[in-house]
Amino acid sequence: MTEQQPTTVWRHGIVELAPLGIILICYVIYLSFYFVPLFWDDDPFGYFGSAALLHDTGALHHVPADDFEWVGNMWVVNEDGECFSKYPPFFPALASGVMAVFGKTGALLLNPFFALISIIGIYCLGRLFGLGSWSIVPALLLATNPIFNYWVIRHVAHTASVGIPLIGYVALFAAVNGRPSRTRLLLLFISGAALGFATGVRYTNLLLALPLLIVVVRLWRTDQRPGAVCAVSGLVMMGAILAAYHWRAFGSPLTTGYGLSGEQSAFGLTNFIENARRYGSPLLEIGLGPLLVFALLGFLLRLRENRKEGLLYLSWFIPTLLLMLAYYGGVVAQPQTYLRFLLPTFVPLFILTAIGLRRVMETDLFREKWRLGAIAGVLVVQAFWGGWLTVEYAEPWRQRSLIQQQTIKRIEEASIPKGSVIFTDLPLLNPLEYRGGYHLYDAALLKRFTLEQMIDTKSGPLSRWIPVARAKLVQERLLDVPVGTYRARIDELIDSHLKQGREVVVIQPRSEALQLQRINNRRWVIRTTGKLTAPTVEFLFTSPIREDSQLTEFERAEVEFHIMRISKLINK
């Protein structure tokens, strides 16, 4: 299963390792400039909020204090009223372990860590596939890929979905290329365990185990059954742990958080045609870049020379591609958003690209004295393409992150005691909950009209997706009742916290804060105790690829927020 005779991973000179070192150094420089250890959107809190909960309480779930407490928009509620992240548990568990050593900010460095592991891993994989010094090509392709680089600075599990399977593949092919030994059996077990762990990071990563299963069948048929058993044992072990979690959290080993949120129904054959159109052009333009043609050439060459290896490559990326073509996420407007689902499949495509490029460069089309220059020229074009798009996506996100980081710092300096109750909006709820120490509520609870929109509207760029069970509670207790009953229940909620000696704080943009004061000045003693500047929801969630000149003044500028305190209810 190699281009030439397989080589070991590190038995080569420093001259060949130097380019890899340069790539890693440049990548660390990129991370040091664009990575901001802060998130405000929903997906990261689904992962790291769960990790923080495990770190703080020893459990991956919690029971809200009341019917209205904010729990996170990517969370679900089981039949016992326990709130779990809808995402699988292995990435939060890993982040929780890192958190125990390096703290909550340190845990956010998991993505940069797995990015570096991915670059090193794909280089090692190229070595194991017999690419020799050409192994630097897939490493460069991954390090300059704009989709990979964009999601490295977003605090979700897509980078881990590249790095962890690569650990499994390196172990797998190191074992296949090695001599029978106990080390070989251990490597096969590690490969199965790593690919099983990846399934517990993102469920769709289960398809990435298909190359492993193909190798297992070959081992079994060639009387290398101990190796096959070791590989399957690692995979089954992780699967059993994941099934046990599902049983505890959702009552069945096959029920996931996505099942409770209803998102499993988002897969359907009717999405194929539309998504095929949407995926096709972006894959060339911003996904894989100008060298994709060499990947096709490399695949055809390997299929002709070794049909079994060609089928192995197909099993590596076609199933995931087909699954994502059936997913509703393809209708999202920004390609960098939905192309993240295909990131794990970039690994075999980059290996094939190196194979195809190598074959072309070693033909008689290029004389020996021109060959090195031609190779350098092709790689420079690819690197320029990837670097340009990487900055185009990363810079706006970095700017937004830095602005929001300053906002959180201003709130922490606003003398709001730990244990206080805070009503505010989504971009502040996620980072404040991650830091911990507050009782948080969506400020929409204080505005019935906004609350109606939040519960009823499930489309549009600024929709807030809240757990279905919680939405039903809000609907029943606050919306399907007369206005007087709604006000009485909100007053009861506020009063219950005031009686426990907690400060009740509302953080809202100036216009909405003044409106709240005007509407409720006969119900509450509410006064402005501080002001700060902060970005609007529209600014933070505007597509990062839009030019500032395309944004409205309201979207571009930070606005004045008021910090208000409710000290008592007038009628109490």
Protein backbone atom coordinates (compact mmCIF):
# COMPACT_ATOMS: atom_id res chain seq x y z
CA MET A 1 0.00 0.00 0.00
CA THR A 2 2.82 2.37 -0.77
CA GLU A 3 4.13 4.47 -3.64
CA GLN A 4 7.53 2.80 -3.34
CA GLN A 5 9.04 0.70 -0.61
CA PRO A 6 7.75 1.94 2.76
CA THR A 7 10.13 3.81 4.95
CA THR A 8 10.18 4.30 8.67
CA VAL A 9 8.97 7.62 9.95
CA TRP A 10 12.13 9.30 11.22
CA ARG A 11 15.10 7.51 9.64
CA HIS A 12 16.27 10.34 7.45
CA GLY A 13 18.62 13.24 7.71
CA ILE A 14 18.21 16.66 9.18
CA VAL A 15 18.23 18.15 5.66
CA GLU A 16 14.90 16.46 4.93
CA LEU A 17 13.44 17.38 8.32
CA ALA A 18 14.41 21.04 8.00
CA PRO A 19 11.49 21.95 5.68
CA LEU A 20 9.05 20.36 8.13
CA GLY A 21 10.61 22.39 10.93
CA ILE A 22 10.23 25.59 8.90
CA ILE A 23 6.56 24.82 8.24
CA LEU A 24 5.92 24.20 11.94
CA ILE A 25 7.69 27.41 12.97
CA CYS A 26 5.68 29.43 10.45
CA TYR A 27 2.51 27.78 11.69
CA VAL A 28 3.27 28.64 15.29
CA ILE A 29 3.79 32.26 14.19
CA TYR A 30 0.38 32.18 12.47
CA LEU A 31 -1.26 30.81 15.62
CA SER A 32 0.45 33.32 17.89
CA PHE A 33 -1.00 36.15 15.82
CA TYR A 34 -4.50 34.91 14.94
CA PHE A 35 -5.47 32.58 17.76
CA VAL A 36 -7.46 34.28 20.54
CA PRO A 37 -8.30 32.15 23.62
CA LEU A 38 -11.94 33.24 23.76
CA PHE A 39 -15.24 32.18 22.20
CA TRP A 40 -18.70 33.69 22.21
CA ASP A 41 -20.72 31.51 19.83
CA ASP A 42 -22.74 28.39 20.60
CA ASP A 43 -20.74 25.47 19.19
CA PRO A 44 -17.60 26.02 21.30
CA PHE A 45 -19.66 26.22 24.48
CA GLY A 46 -21.20 22.87 23.60
CA TYR A 47 -17.70 21.37 23.81
CA PHE A 48 -15.82 23.48 26.33
CA GLY A 49 -18.83 24.22 28.52
CA SER A 50 -19.26 20.49 28.95
CA ALA A 51 -15.53 20.17 29.70
CA ALA A 52 -15.75 22.91 32.33
CA LEU A 53 -18.74 21.19 33.90
CA LEU A 54 -16.82 17.91 34.12
CA HIS A 55 -13.82 19.71 35.57
CA ASP A 56 -15.86 21.65 38.15
CA THR A 57 -18.44 19.02 39.18
CA GLY A 58 -17.14 15.67 37.97
CA ALA A 59 -20.20 15.20 35.72
CA LEU A 60 -21.04 15.96 32.10
CA HIS A 61 -24.54 17.14 32.97
CA HIS A 62 -26.33 19.52 35.30
CA VAL A 63 -29.88 20.26 36.38
CA PRO A 64 -30.93 23.92 35.94
CA ALA A 65 -31.97 25.78 39.08
CA ASP A 66 -35.30 26.79 37.51
CA ASP A 67 -37.28 26.65 34.28
CA PHE A 68 -35.65 29.71 32.76
CA GLU A 69 -31.93 29.53 33.62
CA TRP A 70 -29.74 29.64 30.53
CA VAL A 71 -28.20 26.25 29.74
CA GLY A 72 -26.57 26.70 26.33
CA ASN A 73 -28.07 26.53 22.89
CA MET A 74 -26.22 23.37 21.86
CA TRP A 75 -27.49 21.40 24.83
CA VAL A 76 -30.35 18.96 25.21
CA VAL A 77 -32.53 17.88 28.13
CA ASN A 78 -33.21 14.21 28.87
CA GLU A 79 -36.35 12.76 30.46
CA ASP A 80 -34.96 13.35 33.96
CA GLY A 81 -34.47 17.06 33.32
CA GLU A 82 -30.68 16.74 33.08
CA CYS A 83 -28.89 18.96 30.57
CA PHE A 84 -26.17 17.41 28.39
CA SER A 85 -24.24 18.85 25.49
CA LYS A 86 -25.62 17.40 22.27
CA TYR A 87 -22.05 16.70 21.14
CA PRO A 88 -20.26 13.40 21.88
CA PRO A 89 -18.31 13.32 25.16
CA PHE A 90 -14.72 12.45 24.28
CA PHE A 91 -13.50 15.90 23.26
CA PRO A 92 -14.98 17.53 26.41
CA ALA A 93 -13.41 14.76 28.50
CA LEU A 94 -10.03 15.41 26.89
CA ALA A 95 -10.41 19.18 27.34
CA SER A 96 -11.35 18.64 30.98
CA GLY A 97 -8.11 16.74 31.57
CA VAL A 98 -6.11 19.56 29.99
CA MET A 99 -8.12 22.03 32.08
CA ALA A 100 -7.08 20.28 35.27
CA VAL A 101 -3.43 20.99 34.45
CA PHE A 102 -3.48 24.26 32.51
CA GLY A 103 -6.76 25.89 33.50
CA LYS A 104 -9.71 26.94 31.38
CA THR A 105 -7.69 29.23 29.15
CA GLY A 106 -5.06 26.54 28.64
CA ALA A 107 -7.73 24.05 27.57
CA LEU A 108 -8.58 26.30 24.63
CA LEU A 109 -5.10 25.55 23.23
CA LEU A 110 -6.24 22.04 22.26
CA ASN A 111 -6.96 23.12 18.69
CA PRO A 112 -3.48 24.59 18.08
CA PHE A 113 -2.01 21.43 19.60
CA PHE A 114 -3.97 19.17 17.27
CA ALA A 115 -3.13 21.40 14.32
CA LEU A 116 0.58 20.81 14.90
CA ILE A 117 -0.08 17.09 15.48
CA SER A 118 -1.96 17.01 12.17
CA ILE A 119 0.90 18.58 10.21
CA ILE A 120 3.46 16.23 11.75
CA GLY A 121 1.08 13.28 11.36
CA ILE A 122 0.42 13.77 7.66
CA TYR A 123 4.16 14.09 7.08
CA CYS A 124 4.74 10.80 8.89
CA LEU A 125 1.92 9.20 6.93
CA GLY A 126 3.56 10.28 3.68
CA ARG A 127 6.77 8.62 4.84
CA LEU A 128 4.91 5.41 5.61
CA PHE A 129 3.33 5.53 2.17
CA GLY A 130 6.78 5.66 0.58
CA LEU A 131 6.77 9.33 -0.45
CA GLY A 132 10.18 9.94 1.08
CA SER A 133 11.19 13.60 0.95
CA TRP A 134 7.98 14.30 -1.00
CA SER A 135 6.14 13.84 2.31
CA ILE A 136 6.72 17.55 2.86
CA VAL A 137 4.11 18.24 0.15
CA PRO A 138 1.02 17.01 2.06
CA ALA A 139 2.37 18.72 5.19
CA LEU A 140 2.62 22.02 3.30
CA LEU A 141 -0.83 21.55 1.74
CA LEU A 142 -2.43 21.03 5.14
CA ALA A 143 -0.54 23.88 6.80
CA THR A 144 -1.61 26.35 4.10
CA ASN A 145 -5.18 25.12 3.70
CA PRO A 146 -7.57 28.01 4.43
CA ILE A 147 -10.42 25.83 5.72
CA PHE A 148 -8.14 23.94 8.11
CA ASN A 149 -6.56 27.18 9.31
CA TYR A 150 -9.89 28.94 9.79
CA TRP A 151 -11.25 26.21 12.05
CA VAL A 152 -8.04 25.98 14.06
CA ILE A 153 -8.84 29.42 15.51
CA ARG A 154 -12.48 28.48 16.14
CA HIS A 155 -12.92 26.53 19.36
CA VAL A 156 -14.66 23.42 18.04
CA ALA A 157 -13.67 19.80 17.40
CA HIS A 158 -12.93 19.84 13.67
CA THR A 159 -9.16 20.18 14.10
CA ALA A 160 -9.18 17.26 16.53
CA SER A 161 -11.15 15.33 13.89
CA VAL A 162 -8.09 15.62 11.67
CA GLY A 163 -5.36 15.13 14.29
CA ILE A 164 -6.77 12.18 16.25
CA PRO A 165 -7.56 10.01 13.19
CA LEU A 166 -4.08 10.82 11.86
CA ILE A 167 -2.61 9.33 15.05
CA GLY A 168 -4.63 6.21 14.28
CA TYR A 169 -3.56 6.06 10.63
CA VAL A 170 0.12 6.55 11.44
CA ALA A 171 -0.06 3.74 14.00
CA LEU A 172 -1.99 1.54 11.54
CA PHE A 173 0.37 1.86 8.59
CA ALA A 174 3.47 1.76 10.79
CA ALA A 175 2.18 -1.60 12.00
CA VAL A 176 1.31 -2.82 8.50
CA ASN A 177 4.73 -1.85 7.17
CA GLY A 178 6.58 -3.34 10.16
CA ARG A 179 7.59 -6.82 11.08
CA PRO A 180 5.39 -9.00 13.33
CA SER A 181 6.16 -8.17 16.95
CA ARG A 182 4.53 -7.09 20.19
CA THR A 183 5.12 -3.48 19.20
CA ARG A 184 3.19 -4.14 16.01
CA LEU A 185 0.25 -5.50 17.99
CA LEU A 186 0.35 -2.46 20.25
CA LEU A 187 0.34 -0.13 17.25
CA LEU A 188 -2.70 -1.90 15.81
CA PHE A 189 -4.52 -1.55 19.13
CA ILE A 190 -3.61 2.15 19.25
CA SER A 191 -4.90 2.63 15.71
CA GLY A 192 -8.26 1.11 16.61
CA ALA A 193 -8.48 3.05 19.87
CA ALA A 194 -7.59 6.37 18.17
CA LEU A 195 -10.17 5.93 15.42
CA GLY A 196 -12.75 4.84 17.98
CA PHE A 197 -11.92 7.88 20.10
CA ALA A 198 -12.37 10.08 17.02
CA THR A 199 -15.94 8.77 16.74
CA GLY A 200 -16.53 10.08 20.25
CA VAL A 201 -15.23 13.48 19.11
CA ARG A 202 -17.58 13.73 16.11
CA TYR A 203 -20.02 10.96 15.30
CA THR A 204 -19.42 11.18 11.55
CA ASN A 205 -15.79 10.21 12.18
CA LEU A 206 -17.04 6.61 12.46
CA LEU A 207 -16.69 6.44 8.68
CA LEU A 208 -12.97 7.18 9.03
CA ALA A 209 -12.57 3.68 10.51
CA LEU A 210 -13.34 2.06 7.14
CA PRO A 211 -9.65 1.96 6.03
CA LEU A 212 -8.85 0.27 9.34
CA LEU A 213 -11.53 -2.35 8.78
CA ILE A 214 -10.23 -3.03 5.26
CA VAL A 215 -6.75 -3.63 6.71
CA VAL A 216 -8.25 -5.82 9.44
CA VAL A 217 -9.91 -8.04 6.80
CA ARG A 218 -6.59 -8.40 4.99
CA LEU A 219 -4.79 -9.29 8.21
CA TRP A 220 -7.41 -11.91 8.99
CA ARG A 221 -7.20 -13.45 5.53
CA THR A 222 -3.40 -13.64 5.68
CA ASP A 223 -3.36 -15.46 9.04
CA GLN A 224 -2.31 -12.37 10.99
CA ARG A 225 -5.31 -12.70 13.24
CA PRO A 226 -3.76 -11.45 16.51
CA GLY A 227 -3.15 -8.11 14.79
CA ALA A 228 -6.71 -7.98 13.47
CA VAL A 229 -8.07 -8.74 16.94
CA CYS A 230 -5.94 -5.99 18.52
CA ALA A 231 -7.13 -3.37 16.03
CA VAL A 232 -10.78 -4.31 16.46
CA SER A 233 -10.39 -4.45 20.24
CA GLY A 234 -9.25 -0.83 20.39
CA LEU A 235 -12.17 0.25 18.19
CA VAL A 236 -14.73 -1.76 20.18
CA MET A 237 -13.40 -0.54 23.52
CA MET A 238 -14.00 3.09 22.60
CA GLY A 239 -17.36 2.21 21.09
CA ALA A 240 -18.42 0.51 24.32
CA ILE A 241 -17.47 3.57 26.39
CA LEU A 242 -19.44 5.80 24.03
CA ALA A 243 -22.46 3.48 24.16
CA ALA A 244 -22.34 3.48 27.97
CA TYR A 245 -22.39 7.28 27.96
CA HIS A 246 -25.42 7.31 25.65
CA TRP A 247 -27.21 4.85 27.92
CA ARG A 248 -26.57 7.00 30.97
CA ALA A 249 -27.38 10.30 29.30
CA PHE A 250 -30.19 9.44 26.89
CA GLY A 251 -31.52 6.04 27.96
CA SER A 252 -30.23 3.98 25.02
CA PRO A 253 -26.77 3.08 23.67
CA LEU A 254 -27.86 4.19 20.20
CA THR A 255 -29.54 7.48 21.15
CA THR A 256 -27.40 10.60 20.83
CA GLY A 257 -27.84 14.24 21.72
CA TYR A 258 -28.55 14.90 18.06
CA GLY A 259 -31.50 12.54 18.35
CA LEU A 260 -32.98 14.62 21.17
CA SER A 261 -32.41 17.85 19.26
CA GLY A 262 -34.06 16.41 16.14
CA GLU A 263 -31.02 17.05 13.96
CA GLN A 264 -30.60 13.45 12.85
CA SER A 265 -33.55 14.06 10.56
CA ALA A 266 -31.43 16.69 8.80
CA PHE A 267 -29.89 13.95 6.65
CA GLY A 268 -31.84 13.11 3.51
CA LEU A 269 -31.39 12.07 -0.10
CA THR A 270 -33.28 15.17 -1.22
CA ASN A 271 -30.27 17.30 -0.22
CA PHE A 272 -27.89 15.59 -2.66
CA ILE A 273 -28.42 17.63 -5.80
CA GLU A 274 -28.39 21.02 -4.10
CA ASN A 275 -25.37 20.19 -1.97
CA ALA A 276 -23.42 18.68 -4.85
CA ARG A 277 -23.72 22.01 -6.61
CA ARG A 278 -22.75 23.94 -3.50
CA TYR A 279 -19.78 21.76 -2.58
CA GLY A 280 -18.31 21.40 -6.06
CA SER A 281 -17.04 24.89 -6.83
CA PRO A 282 -15.94 25.84 -3.25
CA LEU A 283 -13.90 22.64 -2.99
CA LEU A 284 -11.82 23.87 -5.92
CA GLU A 285 -11.82 27.56 -5.03
CA ILE A 286 -11.19 27.53 -1.27
CA GLY A 287 -11.18 23.89 -0.20
CA LEU A 288 -8.35 22.02 -1.89
CA GLY A 289 -6.92 24.58 -4.24
CA PRO A 290 -5.18 24.47 -7.61
CA LEU A 291 -3.31 21.21 -6.94
CA LEU A 292 -6.52 19.13 -6.73
CA VAL A 293 -5.91 17.92 -10.29
CA PHE A 294 -2.79 16.13 -9.05
CA ALA A 295 -4.90 14.30 -6.45
CA LEU A 296 -7.07 12.88 -9.22
CA LEU A 297 -3.97 11.87 -11.16
CA GLY A 298 -2.46 10.26 -8.08
CA PHE A 299 -5.64 8.29 -7.42
CA LEU A 300 -5.85 7.01 -11.00
CA LEU A 301 -2.19 5.95 -10.88
CA ARG A 302 -2.60 4.06 -7.63
CA LEU A 303 -5.85 2.46 -8.82
CA ARG A 304 -4.13 1.24 -11.99
CA GLU A 305 -1.05 -0.06 -10.23
CA ASN A 306 -2.71 -1.48 -7.11
CA ARG A 307 -6.48 -1.76 -7.23
CA LYS A 308 -6.76 -2.69 -3.57
CA GLU A 309 -4.90 0.44 -2.53
CA GLY A 310 -7.09 2.52 -4.84
CA LEU A 311 -10.19 1.13 -3.12
CA LEU A 312 -8.60 1.91 0.24
CA TYR A 313 -8.34 5.58 -0.75
CA LEU A 314 -11.96 5.55 -1.91
CA SER A 315 -13.10 4.19 1.45
CA TRP A 316 -11.14 6.99 3.11
CA PHE A 317 -13.03 9.94 1.66
CA ILE A 318 -16.04 8.92 -0.48
CA PRO A 319 -18.33 7.75 2.40
CA THR A 320 -17.82 10.98 4.35
CA LEU A 321 -18.38 13.05 1.21
CA LEU A 322 -21.64 11.22 0.43
CA LEU A 323 -22.85 11.61 4.00
CA MET A 324 -22.21 15.34 4.00
CA LEU A 325 -23.92 15.74 0.64
CA ALA A 326 -27.02 14.38 2.36
CA TYR A 327 -26.77 16.87 5.23
CA TYR A 328 -28.81 20.04 5.35
CA GLY A 329 -25.72 22.01 6.45
CA GLY A 330 -24.75 22.33 2.81
CA VAL A 331 -27.32 25.07 2.32
CA VAL A 332 -25.43 27.43 4.63
CA ALA A 333 -24.38 30.48 2.65
CA GLN A 334 -20.67 30.58 3.54
CA PRO A 335 -18.56 27.73 2.05
CA GLN A 336 -15.95 27.91 4.81
CA THR A 337 -18.75 26.92 7.18
CA TYR A 338 -19.86 23.67 5.58
CA LEU A 339 -16.51 22.61 4.09
CA ARG A 340 -15.31 21.99 7.66
CA PHE A 341 -17.27 18.73 7.62
CA LEU A 342 -14.93 17.42 4.92
CA LEU A 343 -11.65 18.32 6.64
CA PRO A 344 -10.75 14.70 7.60
CA THR A 345 -11.03 13.70 3.94
CA PHE A 346 -8.39 16.25 2.96
CA VAL A 347 -5.72 13.91 4.40
CA PRO A 348 -5.91 11.16 1.74
CA LEU A 349 -6.45 13.76 -0.99
CA PHE A 350 -3.24 15.56 0.00
CA ILE A 351 -1.34 12.27 0.02
CA LEU A 352 -2.67 11.53 -3.47
CA THR A 353 -1.72 15.06 -4.56
CA ALA A 354 1.88 14.38 -3.56
CA ILE A 355 1.83 11.08 -5.48
CA GLY A 356 0.46 12.73 -8.62
CA LEU A 357 2.81 15.71 -8.44
CA ARG A 358 5.81 13.46 -7.92
CA ARG A 359 4.98 11.33 -10.94
CA VAL A 360 4.57 14.38 -13.18
CA MET A 361 7.80 15.98 -12.02
CA GLU A 362 9.76 12.76 -12.53
CA THR A 363 8.68 12.35 -16.14
CA ASP A 364 10.70 13.45 -19.15
CA LEU A 365 8.60 16.62 -19.33
CA PHE A 366 11.03 18.20 -16.89
CA ARG A 367 14.77 18.00 -17.30
CA GLU A 368 16.74 17.25 -14.20
CA LYS A 369 18.15 20.78 -13.90
CA TRP A 370 14.69 22.37 -14.18
CA ARG A 371 12.85 19.92 -11.94
CA LEU A 372 13.59 21.52 -8.59
CA GLY A 373 12.55 24.94 -9.84
CA ALA A 374 9.29 23.56 -11.25
CA ILE A 375 8.47 21.86 -7.97
CA ALA A 376 9.25 25.00 -5.99
CA GLY A 377 7.12 27.10 -8.35
CA VAL A 378 4.09 24.83 -7.99
CA LEU A 379 4.35 24.76 -4.20
CA VAL A 380 4.83 28.54 -4.00
CA VAL A 381 1.63 29.07 -6.01
CA GLN A 382 -0.26 26.70 -3.69
CA ALA A 383 1.18 28.34 -0.58
CA PHE A 384 0.35 31.83 -1.85
CA TRP A 385 -3.23 30.75 -2.64
CA GLY A 386 -3.66 29.15 0.78
CA GLY A 387 -1.95 31.94 2.70
CA TRP A 388 -4.00 34.65 0.99
CA LEU A 389 -7.33 32.95 1.76
CA THR A 390 -6.21 32.03 5.28
CA VAL A 391 -5.61 35.68 6.14
CA GLU A 392 -8.84 36.72 4.42
CA TYR A 393 -10.84 34.44 6.73
CA ALA A 394 -8.74 34.65 9.88
CA GLU A 395 -8.24 38.41 10.18
CA PRO A 396 -11.91 39.46 10.55
CA TRP A 397 -12.47 36.68 13.07
CA ARG A 398 -9.40 37.74 15.02
CA GLN A 399 -10.64 41.33 15.12
CA ARG A 400 -14.03 40.27 16.42
CA SER A 401 -12.43 38.00 19.01
CA LEU A 402 -10.13 40.73 20.31
CA ILE A 403 -13.04 43.18 20.61
CA GLN A 404 -15.14 40.64 22.49
CA GLN A 405 -12.16 39.78 24.70
CA GLN A 406 -11.99 43.42 25.76
CA THR A 407 -15.74 43.38 26.42
CA ILE A 408 -15.44 40.43 28.80
CA LYS A 409 -12.53 42.16 30.53
CA ARG A 410 -14.66 45.30 31.04
CA ILE A 411 -17.48 43.24 32.52
CA GLU A 412 -15.09 41.53 34.92
CA GLU A 413 -13.87 44.99 35.98
CA ALA A 414 -17.43 46.27 36.52
CA SER A 415 -17.64 45.10 40.15
CA ILE A 416 -20.27 42.43 39.54
CA PRO A 417 -19.79 39.97 42.43
CA LYS A 418 -19.51 36.26 41.76
CA GLY A 419 -22.83 34.60 42.40
CA SER A 420 -24.77 37.49 40.87
CA VAL A 421 -27.66 37.01 38.45
CA ILE A 422 -27.00 38.42 34.96
CA PHE A 423 -29.56 38.90 32.20
CA THR A 424 -27.77 39.50 28.89
CA ASP A 425 -27.47 38.34 25.28
CA LEU A 426 -25.93 35.34 23.57
CA PRO A 427 -22.41 36.65 22.82
CA LEU A 428 -21.89 37.34 26.54
CA LEU A 429 -23.73 34.32 27.92
CA ASN A 430 -21.32 31.77 26.41
CA PRO A 431 -18.00 33.23 27.64
CA LEU A 432 -19.42 34.22 31.05
CA GLU A 433 -20.84 30.75 31.64
CA TYR A 434 -17.51 29.19 30.64
CA ARG A 435 -15.71 31.30 33.23
CA GLY A 436 -18.34 30.32 35.79
CA GLY A 437 -19.58 31.91 38.96
CA TYR A 438 -22.78 33.59 37.72
CA HIS A 439 -26.45 32.71 37.39
CA LEU A 440 -27.18 33.53 33.77
CA TYR A 441 -30.41 34.23 31.91
CA ASP A 442 -31.17 35.32 28.37
CA ALA A 443 -32.25 38.96 28.42
CA ALA A 444 -35.03 38.01 25.99
CA LEU A 445 -36.93 36.72 29.03
CA LEU A 446 -37.48 40.35 30.03
CA LYS A 447 -38.89 41.28 26.61
CA ARG A 448 -41.96 39.26 25.68
CA PHE A 449 -41.99 40.25 22.01
CA THR A 450 -38.33 39.26 21.58
CA LEU A 451 -39.02 36.04 23.46
CA GLU A 452 -41.81 35.15 21.04
CA GLN A 453 -39.45 35.62 18.11
CA MET A 454 -36.73 33.55 19.76
CA ILE A 455 -39.05 30.61 20.40
CA ASP A 456 -41.00 30.69 17.15
CA THR A 457 -38.38 31.71 14.59
CA LYS A 458 -36.08 28.90 13.51
CA SER A 459 -34.50 30.53 10.46
CA GLY A 460 -32.33 33.49 9.63
CA PRO A 461 -28.72 34.41 10.47
CA LEU A 462 -29.39 35.58 14.03
CA SER A 463 -31.82 32.89 15.21
CA ARG A 464 -31.12 31.46 18.65
CA TRP A 465 -31.48 27.73 18.87
CA ILE A 466 -32.38 26.67 22.39
CA PRO A 467 -33.05 23.15 23.71
CA VAL A 468 -36.47 21.96 22.59
CA ALA A 469 -37.54 20.92 26.08
CA ARG A 470 -36.56 24.32 27.50
CA ALA A 471 -38.32 26.13 24.67
CA LYS A 472 -41.52 24.23 25.50
CA LEU A 473 -41.23 25.28 29.15
CA VAL A 474 -40.79 28.92 28.18
CA GLN A 475 -43.68 28.65 25.74
CA GLU A 476 -46.01 27.15 28.33
CA ARG A 477 -45.04 29.31 31.31
CA LEU A 478 -44.40 32.69 29.72
CA LEU A 479 -46.05 32.88 26.31
CA ASP A 480 -49.21 30.74 26.44
CA VAL A 481 -50.45 32.86 29.34
CA PRO A 482 -51.88 36.38 29.73
CA VAL A 483 -49.41 39.27 29.87
CA GLY A 484 -50.16 39.75 33.57
CA THR A 485 -49.21 36.16 34.35
CA TYR A 486 -46.03 36.50 32.29
CA ARG A 487 -45.00 39.60 34.26
CA ALA A 488 -45.83 37.97 37.59
CA ARG A 489 -43.64 34.95 36.82
CA ILE A 490 -40.69 37.10 35.76
CA ASP A 491 -41.13 39.18 38.94
CA GLU A 492 -41.23 35.99 40.97
CA LEU A 493 -37.98 34.81 39.38
CA ILE A 494 -36.21 38.10 40.13
CA ASP A 495 -37.60 38.28 43.65
CA SER A 496 -36.43 34.74 44.47
CA HIS A 497 -32.84 35.76 43.69
CA LEU A 498 -33.06 39.05 45.57
CA LYS A 499 -34.29 37.20 48.68
CA GLN A 500 -31.17 35.02 48.51
CA GLY A 501 -29.01 38.14 48.63
CA ARG A 502 -27.90 38.02 45.01
CA GLU A 503 -27.40 41.07 42.87
CA VAL A 504 -29.61 41.07 39.77
CA VAL A 505 -27.82 42.70 36.83
CA VAL A 506 -29.01 43.44 33.30
CA ILE A 507 -26.45 44.15 30.54
CA GLN A 508 -28.05 45.52 27.37
CA PRO A 509 -27.34 47.96 24.52
CA ARG A 510 -28.26 51.51 25.50
CA SER A 511 -31.47 51.71 23.45
CA GLU A 512 -32.83 48.44 24.81
CA ALA A 513 -31.71 49.28 28.35
CA LEU A 514 -33.61 52.58 28.30
CA GLN A 515 -36.66 50.83 26.92
CA LEU A 516 -36.53 48.24 29.71
CA GLN A 517 -36.30 50.98 32.32
CA ARG A 518 -39.20 52.89 30.81
CA ILE A 519 -41.48 49.86 30.56
CA ASN A 520 -40.71 48.43 34.00
CA ASN A 521 -40.11 51.49 36.19
CA ARG A 522 -43.41 50.85 37.98
CA ARG A 523 -42.52 47.22 38.69
CA TRP A 524 -38.82 47.35 39.59
CA VAL A 525 -36.32 49.68 41.16
CA ILE A 526 -33.87 49.54 38.27
CA ARG A 527 -30.97 51.94 37.78
CA THR A 528 -27.93 52.20 35.53
CA THR A 529 -24.76 51.63 37.54
CA GLY A 530 -22.21 51.42 34.77
CA LYS A 531 -21.55 51.68 31.05
CA LEU A 532 -19.24 49.95 28.62
CA THR A 533 -18.71 49.66 24.89
CA ALA A 534 -19.30 46.28 23.29
CA PRO A 535 -19.96 44.84 19.83
CA THR A 536 -23.50 44.12 18.76
CA VAL A 537 -24.83 40.66 17.99
CA GLU A 538 -25.04 41.66 14.33
CA PHE A 539 -21.36 42.63 14.27
CA LEU A 540 -20.16 39.41 15.89
CA PHE A 541 -22.23 37.05 13.77
CA THR A 542 -21.84 38.81 10.43
CA SER A 543 -20.02 36.55 8.00
CA PRO A 544 -16.26 36.98 8.58
CA ILE A 545 -15.61 37.14 4.83
CA ARG A 546 -17.56 40.36 4.28
CA GLU A 547 -15.60 43.53 3.74
CA ASP A 548 -16.05 46.26 6.35
CA SER A 549 -17.28 48.54 3.59
CA GLN A 550 -20.21 46.15 3.11
CA LEU A 551 -21.28 46.39 6.75
CA THR A 552 -23.74 48.95 7.99
CA GLU A 553 -22.53 51.52 10.50
CA PHE A 554 -24.46 49.68 13.20
CA GLU A 555 -22.77 46.38 12.36
CA ARG A 556 -19.27 47.88 12.26
CA ALA A 557 -19.23 50.00 15.36
CA GLU A 558 -19.19 49.06 19.00
CA VAL A 559 -22.18 50.50 20.82
CA GLU A 560 -22.78 51.66 24.35
CA PHE A 561 -24.07 49.03 26.75
CA HIS A 562 -25.67 49.84 30.11
CA ILE A 563 -25.09 47.79 33.24
CA MET A 564 -28.30 48.04 35.26
CA ARG A 565 -29.16 46.67 38.68
CA ILE A 566 -32.60 45.66 39.89
CA SER A 567 -32.55 46.26 43.64
CA LYS A 568 -36.16 45.40 44.56
CA LEU A 569 -39.67 44.93 43.25
CA ILE A 570 -41.91 47.92 43.94
CA ASN A 571 -44.98 45.88 44.88
CA LYS A 572 -43.13 43.56 47.24
